[in-house]
C-alpha cells in the first residue's frame, strides 16, 4: 500500500503521466530481488484504477428516451 501512496503523491505533484511514474517506481524497486515480484502489470493497475473512477460517475442511459 505504501507504493500506492507514493504513486498518488507523485501524480499530484508532478506533471508526468501515471505510466511514466509507475515505470520509474517499478524499475527502482525491481533492482532489489525481494520486491521485484510485488508489482502487477500496468495494464492491470490501469483497469483497476479506471473501474474505481467509473464508480464516481453516473452511467449514461442506454437510449436517449430513458
PDB file of N, CA and C in Angstrom:
ATOM      1  N   UNK A   1       0.812  -1.199   0.000  1.00  0.00           N
ATOM      2  CA  UNK A   1       0.000   0.000   0.000  1.00  0.00           C
ATOM      3  C   UNK A   1       0.857   1.265   0.000  1.00  0.00           C
ATOM      4  N   UNK A   2       2.055   1.179   0.515  1.00  0.00           N
ATOM      5  CA  UNK A   2       2.885   2.367   0.562  1.00  0.00           C
ATOM      6  C   UNK A   2       3.277   2.829  -0.836  1.00  0.00           C
ATOM      7  N   UNK A   3       3.468   1.896  -1.764  1.00  0.00           N
ATOM      8  CA  UNK A   3       3.784   2.281  -3.146  1.00  0.00           C
ATOM      9  C   UNK A   3       2.604   2.997  -3.792  1.00  0.00           C
ATOM     10  N   UNK A   4       1.391   2.573  -3.450  1.00  0.00           N
ATOM     11  CA  UNK A   4       0.196   3.219  -3.982  1.00  0.00           C
ATOM     12  C   UNK A   4       0.144   4.673  -3.523  1.00  0.00           C
ATOM     13  N   UNK A   5       0.489   4.912  -2.269  1.00  0.00           N
ATOM     14  CA  UNK A   5       0.504   6.272  -1.735  1.00  0.00           C
ATOM     15  C   UNK A   5       1.580   7.112  -2.416  1.00  0.00           C
ATOM     16  N   UNK A   6       2.723   6.500  -2.688  1.00  0.00           N
ATOM     17  CA  UNK A   6       3.801   7.210  -3.380  1.00  0.00           C
ATOM     18  C   UNK A   6       3.356   7.604  -4.779  1.00  0.00           C
ATOM     19  N   UNK A   7       2.694   6.680  -5.477  1.00  0.00           N
ATOM     20  CA  UNK A   7       2.214   6.983  -6.829  1.00  0.00           C
ATOM     21  C   UNK A   7       1.196   8.113  -6.820  1.00  0.00           C
ATOM     22  N   UNK A   8       0.270   8.090  -5.864  1.00  0.00           N
ATOM     23  CA  UNK A   8      -0.735   9.150  -5.778  1.00  0.00           C
ATOM     24  C   UNK A   8      -0.086  10.496  -5.486  1.00  0.00           C
ATOM     25  N   UNK A   9       0.884  10.503  -4.564  1.00  0.00           N
ATOM     26  CA  UNK A   9       1.555  11.748  -4.194  1.00  0.00           C
ATOM     27  C   UNK A   9       2.336  12.309  -5.372  1.00  0.00           C
ATOM     28  N   UNK A  10       3.096  11.448  -6.046  1.00  0.00           N
ATOM     29  CA  UNK A  10       3.882  11.914  -7.190  1.00  0.00           C
ATOM     30  C   UNK A  10       2.986  12.375  -8.328  1.00  0.00           C
ATOM     31  N   UNK A  11       1.851  11.718  -8.522  1.00  0.00           N
ATOM     32  CA  UNK A  11       0.931  12.118  -9.578  1.00  0.00           C
ATOM     33  C   UNK A  11       0.362  13.504  -9.301  1.00  0.00           C
ATOM     34  N   UNK A  12       0.096  13.807  -8.042  1.00  0.00           N
ATOM     35  CA  UNK A  12      -0.437  15.116  -7.683  1.00  0.00           C
ATOM     36  C   UNK A  12       0.619  16.209  -7.822  1.00  0.00           C
ATOM     37  N   UNK A  13       1.876  15.879  -7.567  1.00  0.00           N
ATOM     38  CA  UNK A  13       2.942  16.878  -7.569  1.00  0.00           C
ATOM     39  C   UNK A  13       3.595  17.073  -8.935  1.00  0.00           C
ATOM     40  N   UNK A  14       3.705  16.031  -9.715  1.00  0.00           N
ATOM     41  CA  UNK A  14       4.443  16.096 -10.972  1.00  0.00           C
ATOM     42  C   UNK A  14       3.496  16.159 -12.166  1.00  0.00           C
ATOM     43  N   UNK A  15       4.033  16.622 -13.286  1.00  0.00           N
ATOM     44  CA  UNK A  15       3.223  16.711 -14.497  1.00  0.00           C
ATOM     45  C   UNK A  15       3.426  15.505 -15.415  1.00  0.00           C
ATOM     46  N   UNK A  16       4.153  14.502 -14.939  1.00  0.00           N
ATOM     47  CA  UNK A  16       4.362  13.289 -15.733  1.00  0.00           C
ATOM     48  C   UNK A  16       3.093  12.450 -15.744  1.00  0.00           C
ATOM     49  N   UNK A  17       3.008  11.593 -16.746  1.00  0.00           N
ATOM     50  CA  UNK A  17       1.863  10.684 -16.795  1.00  0.00           C
ATOM     51  C   UNK A  17       2.007   9.616 -15.720  1.00  0.00           C
ATOM     52  N   UNK A  18       0.901   9.006 -15.374  1.00  0.00           N
ATOM     53  CA  UNK A  18       0.914   7.956 -14.361  1.00  0.00           C
ATOM     54  C   UNK A  18       1.776   6.788 -14.832  1.00  0.00           C
ATOM     55  N   UNK A  19       1.724   6.476 -16.116  1.00  0.00           N
ATOM     56  CA  UNK A  19       2.534   5.381 -16.655  1.00  0.00           C
ATOM     57  C   UNK A  19       4.023   5.651 -16.466  1.00  0.00           C
ATOM     58  N   UNK A  20       4.461   6.890 -16.716  1.00  0.00           N
ATOM     59  CA  UNK A  20       5.878   7.225 -16.554  1.00  0.00           C
ATOM     60  C   UNK A  20       6.308   7.109 -15.097  1.00  0.00           C
ATOM     61  N   UNK A  21       5.475   7.599 -14.188  1.00  0.00           N
ATOM     62  CA  UNK A  21       5.783   7.500 -12.761  1.00  0.00           C
ATOM     63  C   UNK A  21       5.818   6.036 -12.342  1.00  0.00           C
ATOM     64  N   UNK A  22       4.853   5.260 -12.800  1.00  0.00           N
ATOM     65  CA  UNK A  22       4.795   3.832 -12.459  1.00  0.00           C
ATOM     66  C   UNK A  22       6.050   3.112 -12.948  1.00  0.00           C
ATOM     67  N   UNK A  23       6.456   3.397 -14.182  1.00  0.00           N
ATOM     68  CA  UNK A  23       7.655   2.765 -14.733  1.00  0.00           C
ATOM     69  C   UNK A  23       8.897   3.097 -13.912  1.00  0.00           C
ATOM     70  N   UNK A  24       9.015   4.360 -13.479  1.00  0.00           N
ATOM     71  CA  UNK A  24      10.159   4.751 -12.656  1.00  0.00           C
ATOM     72  C   UNK A  24      10.166   4.005 -11.324  1.00  0.00           C
ATOM     73  N   UNK A  25       9.012   3.921 -10.691  1.00  0.00           N
ATOM     74  CA  UNK A  25       8.925   3.245  -9.394  1.00  0.00           C
ATOM     75  C   UNK A  25       9.205   1.748  -9.526  1.00  0.00           C
ATOM     76  N   UNK A  26       8.685   1.137 -10.576  1.00  0.00           N
ATOM     77  CA  UNK A  26       8.902  -0.296 -10.783  1.00  0.00           C
ATOM     78  C   UNK A  26      10.366  -0.577 -11.085  1.00  0.00           C
ATOM     79  N   UNK A  27      10.977   0.232 -11.935  1.00  0.00           N
ATOM     80  CA  UNK A  27      12.383  -0.018 -12.261  1.00  0.00           C
ATOM     81  C   UNK A  27      13.278   0.212 -11.054  1.00  0.00           C
ATOM     82  N   UNK A  28      12.934   1.170 -10.198  1.00  0.00           N
ATOM     83  CA  UNK A  28      13.720   1.398  -8.982  1.00  0.00           C
ATOM     84  C   UNK A  28      13.572   0.227  -8.015  1.00  0.00           C
ATOM     85  N   UNK A  29      12.372  -0.308  -7.911  1.00  0.00           N
ATOM     86  CA  UNK A  29      12.127  -1.407  -6.971  1.00  0.00           C
ATOM     87  C   UNK A  29      12.580  -2.751  -7.521  1.00  0.00           C
ATOM     88  N   UNK A  30      12.609  -2.897  -8.839  1.00  0.00           N
ATOM     89  CA  UNK A  30      12.975  -4.198  -9.402  1.00  0.00           C
ATOM     90  C   UNK A  30      14.466  -4.479  -9.276  1.00  0.00           C
ATOM     91  N   UNK A  31      15.251  -3.484  -8.909  1.00  0.00           N
ATOM     92  CA  UNK A  31      16.678  -3.710  -8.682  1.00  0.00           C
ATOM     93  C   UNK A  31      16.895  -4.574  -7.443  1.00  0.00           C
ATOM     94  N   UNK A  32      15.940  -4.536  -6.534  1.00  0.00           N
ATOM     95  CA  UNK A  32      16.009  -5.347  -5.321  1.00  0.00           C
ATOM     96  C   UNK A  32      15.188  -6.610  -5.572  1.00  0.00           C
ATOM     97  N   UNK A  33      15.809  -7.781  -5.556  1.00  0.00           N
ATOM     98  CA  UNK A  33      15.082  -9.022  -5.882  1.00  0.00           C
ATOM     99  C   UNK A  33      13.884  -9.316  -4.976  1.00  0.00           C
ATOM    100  N   UNK A  34      13.927  -8.870  -3.742  1.00  0.00           N
ATOM    101  CA  UNK A  34      12.824  -9.181  -2.828  1.00  0.00           C
ATOM    102  C   UNK A  34      11.552  -8.418  -3.167  1.00  0.00           C
ATOM    103  N   UNK A  35      11.656  -7.309  -3.890  1.00  0.00           N
ATOM    104  CA  UNK A  35      10.463  -6.521  -4.209  1.00  0.00           C
ATOM    105  C   UNK A  35      10.049  -6.603  -5.668  1.00  0.00           C
ATOM    106  N   UNK A  36      10.828  -7.243  -6.506  1.00  0.00           N
ATOM    107  CA  UNK A  36      10.536  -7.222  -7.939  1.00  0.00           C
ATOM    108  C   UNK A  36       9.234  -7.921  -8.301  1.00  0.00           C
ATOM    109  N   UNK A  37       8.811  -8.914  -7.545  1.00  0.00           N
ATOM    110  CA  UNK A  37       7.590  -9.637  -7.867  1.00  0.00           C
ATOM    111  C   UNK A  37       6.335  -9.035  -7.286  1.00  0.00           C
ATOM    112  N   UNK A  38       6.447  -7.940  -6.574  1.00  0.00           N
ATOM    113  CA  UNK A  38       5.295  -7.349  -5.906  1.00  0.00           C
ATOM    114  C   UNK A  38       4.520  -6.364  -6.775  1.00  0.00           C
ATOM    115  N   UNK A  39       5.012  -6.048  -7.947  1.00  0.00           N
ATOM    116  CA  UNK A  39       4.345  -5.077  -8.798  1.00  0.00           C
ATOM    117  C   UNK A  39       3.544  -5.783  -9.881  1.00  0.00           C
ATOM    118  N   UNK A  40       2.240  -5.503  -9.966  1.00  0.00           N
ATOM    119  CA  UNK A  40       1.441  -6.066 -11.057  1.00  0.00           C
ATOM    120  C   UNK A  40       1.743  -5.327 -12.363  1.00  0.00           C
ATOM    121  N   UNK A  41       1.310  -5.879 -13.453  1.00  0.00           N
ATOM    122  CA  UNK A  41       1.473  -5.205 -14.733  1.00  0.00           C
ATOM    123  C   UNK A  41       0.679  -3.908 -14.740  1.00  0.00           C
ATOM    124  N   UNK A  42       1.174  -2.914 -15.470  1.00  0.00           N
ATOM    125  CA  UNK A  42       0.484  -1.628 -15.503  1.00  0.00           C
ATOM    126  C   UNK A  42      -0.913  -1.767 -16.086  1.00  0.00           C
ATOM    127  N   UNK A  43      -1.106  -2.691 -17.008  1.00  0.00           N
ATOM    128  CA  UNK A  43      -2.426  -2.893 -17.610  1.00  0.00           C
ATOM    129  C   UNK A  43      -3.454  -3.253 -16.536  1.00  0.00           C
ATOM    130  N   UNK A  44      -3.064  -4.107 -15.595  1.00  0.00           N
ATOM    131  CA  UNK A  44      -3.964  -4.491 -14.510  1.00  0.00           C
ATOM    132  C   UNK A  44      -4.199  -3.315 -13.557  1.00  0.00           C
ATOM    133  N   UNK A  45      -3.153  -2.559 -13.274  1.00  0.00           N
ATOM    134  CA  UNK A  45      -3.290  -1.392 -12.398  1.00  0.00           C
ATOM    135  C   UNK A  45      -4.223  -0.374 -13.040  1.00  0.00           C
ATOM    136  N   UNK A  46      -4.043  -0.156 -14.341  1.00  0.00           N
ATOM    137  CA  UNK A  46      -4.862   0.818 -15.053  1.00  0.00           C
ATOM    138  C   UNK A  46      -6.330   0.401 -15.067  1.00  0.00           C
ATOM    139  N   UNK A  47      -6.605  -0.871 -15.298  1.00  0.00           N
ATOM    140  CA  UNK A  47      -8.001  -1.310 -15.329  1.00  0.00           C
ATOM    141  C   UNK A  47      -8.644  -1.172 -13.955  1.00  0.00           C
ATOM    142  N   UNK A  48      -7.889  -1.443 -12.898  1.00  0.00           N
ATOM    143  CA  UNK A  48      -8.407  -1.259 -11.541  1.00  0.00           C
ATOM    144  C   UNK A  48      -8.669   0.210 -11.267  1.00  0.00           C
ATOM    145  N   UNK A  49      -7.747   1.052 -11.710  1.00  0.00           N
ATOM    146  CA  UNK A  49      -7.882   2.487 -11.495  1.00  0.00           C
ATOM    147  C   UNK A  49      -9.118   3.028 -12.221  1.00  0.00           C
ATOM    148  N   UNK A  50      -9.307   2.636 -13.471  1.00  0.00           N
ATOM    149  CA  UNK A  50     -10.451   3.125 -14.225  1.00  0.00           C
ATOM    150  C   UNK A  50     -11.770   2.572 -13.703  1.00  0.00           C
ATOM    151  N   UNK A  51     -11.779   1.344 -13.224  1.00  0.00           N
ATOM    152  CA  UNK A  51     -13.026   0.819 -12.661  1.00  0.00           C
ATOM    153  C   UNK A  51     -13.380   1.561 -11.381  1.00  0.00           C
ATOM    154  N   UNK A  52     -12.374   1.960 -10.616  1.00  0.00           N
ATOM    155  CA  UNK A  52     -12.620   2.756  -9.407  1.00  0.00           C
ATOM    156  C   UNK A  52     -13.158   4.135  -9.782  1.00  0.00           C
ATOM    157  N   UNK A  53     -12.549   4.755 -10.795  1.00  0.00           N
ATOM    158  CA  UNK A  53     -13.007   6.069 -11.238  1.00  0.00           C
ATOM    159  C   UNK A  53     -14.420   6.008 -11.805  1.00  0.00           C
ATOM    160  N   UNK A  54     -14.761   4.926 -12.499  1.00  0.00           N
ATOM    161  CA  UNK A  54     -16.079   4.830 -13.125  1.00  0.00           C
ATOM    162  C   UNK A  54     -17.197   4.762 -12.091  1.00  0.00           C
ATOM    163  N   UNK A  55     -16.893   4.332 -10.887  1.00  0.00           N
ATOM    164  CA  UNK A  55     -17.910   4.280  -9.839  1.00  0.00           C
ATOM    165  C   UNK A  55     -18.313   5.671  -9.365  1.00  0.00           C
ATOM    166  N   UNK A  56     -17.487   6.659  -9.630  1.00  0.00           N
ATOM    167  CA  UNK A  56     -17.780   8.034  -9.208  1.00  0.00           C
ATOM    168  C   UNK A  56     -18.836   8.704 -10.090  1.00  0.00           C
ATOM    169  N   UNK A  57     -18.965   8.250 -11.311  1.00  0.00           N
ATOM    170  CA  UNK A  57     -19.834   8.917 -12.272  1.00  0.00           C
ATOM    171  C   UNK A  57     -21.081   8.089 -12.552  1.00  0.00           C
ATOM    172  N   UNK A  58     -22.170   8.769 -12.819  1.00  0.00           N
ATOM    173  CA  UNK A  58     -23.408   8.085 -13.173  1.00  0.00           C
ATOM    174  C   UNK A  58     -23.283   7.500 -14.569  1.00  0.00           C
ATOM    175  N   UNK A  59     -23.909   6.366 -14.771  1.00  0.00           N
ATOM    176  CA  UNK A  59     -23.892   5.756 -16.096  1.00  0.00           C
ATOM    177  C   UNK A  59     -24.904   6.462 -16.987  1.00  0.00           C
ATOM    178  N   UNK A  60     -24.557   6.590 -18.236  1.00  0.00           N
ATOM    179  CA  UNK A  60     -25.466   7.184 -19.195  1.00  0.00           C
ATOM    180  C   UNK A  60     -26.558   6.176 -19.535  1.00  0.00           C
ATOM    181  N   UNK A  61     -27.769   6.653 -19.817  1.00  0.00           N
ATOM    182  CA  UNK A  61     -28.832   5.719 -20.201  1.00  0.00           C
ATOM    183  C   UNK A  61     -28.501   5.069 -21.546  1.00  0.00           C
ATOM    184  N   UNK A  62     -29.028   3.874 -21.739  1.00  0.00           N
ATOM    185  CA  UNK A  62     -28.760   3.164 -22.987  1.00  0.00           C
ATOM    186  C   UNK A  62     -29.423   3.848 -24.175  1.00  0.00           C
ATOM    187  N   UNK A  63     -30.612   4.391 -23.946  1.00  0.00           N
ATOM    188  CA  UNK A  63     -31.341   5.062 -25.016  1.00  0.00           C
ATOM    189  C   UNK A  63     -31.568   6.512 -24.638  1.00  0.00           C
ATOM    190  N   UNK A  64     -31.741   7.312 -25.622  1.00  0.00           N
ATOM    191  CA  UNK A  64     -31.932   8.735 -25.409  1.00  0.00           C
ATOM    192  C   UNK A  64     -33.227   9.038 -24.661  1.00  0.00           C
ATOM    193  N   UNK A  65     -34.237   8.236 -24.880  1.00  0.00           N
ATOM    194  CA  UNK A  65     -35.550   8.496 -24.298  1.00  0.00           C
ATOM    195  C   UNK A  65     -35.629   8.098 -22.820  1.00  0.00           C
ATOM    196  N   UNK A  66     -34.638   7.369 -22.314  1.00  0.00           N
ATOM    197  CA  UNK A  66     -34.676   6.919 -20.914  1.00  0.00           C
ATOM    198  C   UNK A  66     -34.397   8.044 -19.942  1.00  0.00           C
TER     199      UNK A  66
END
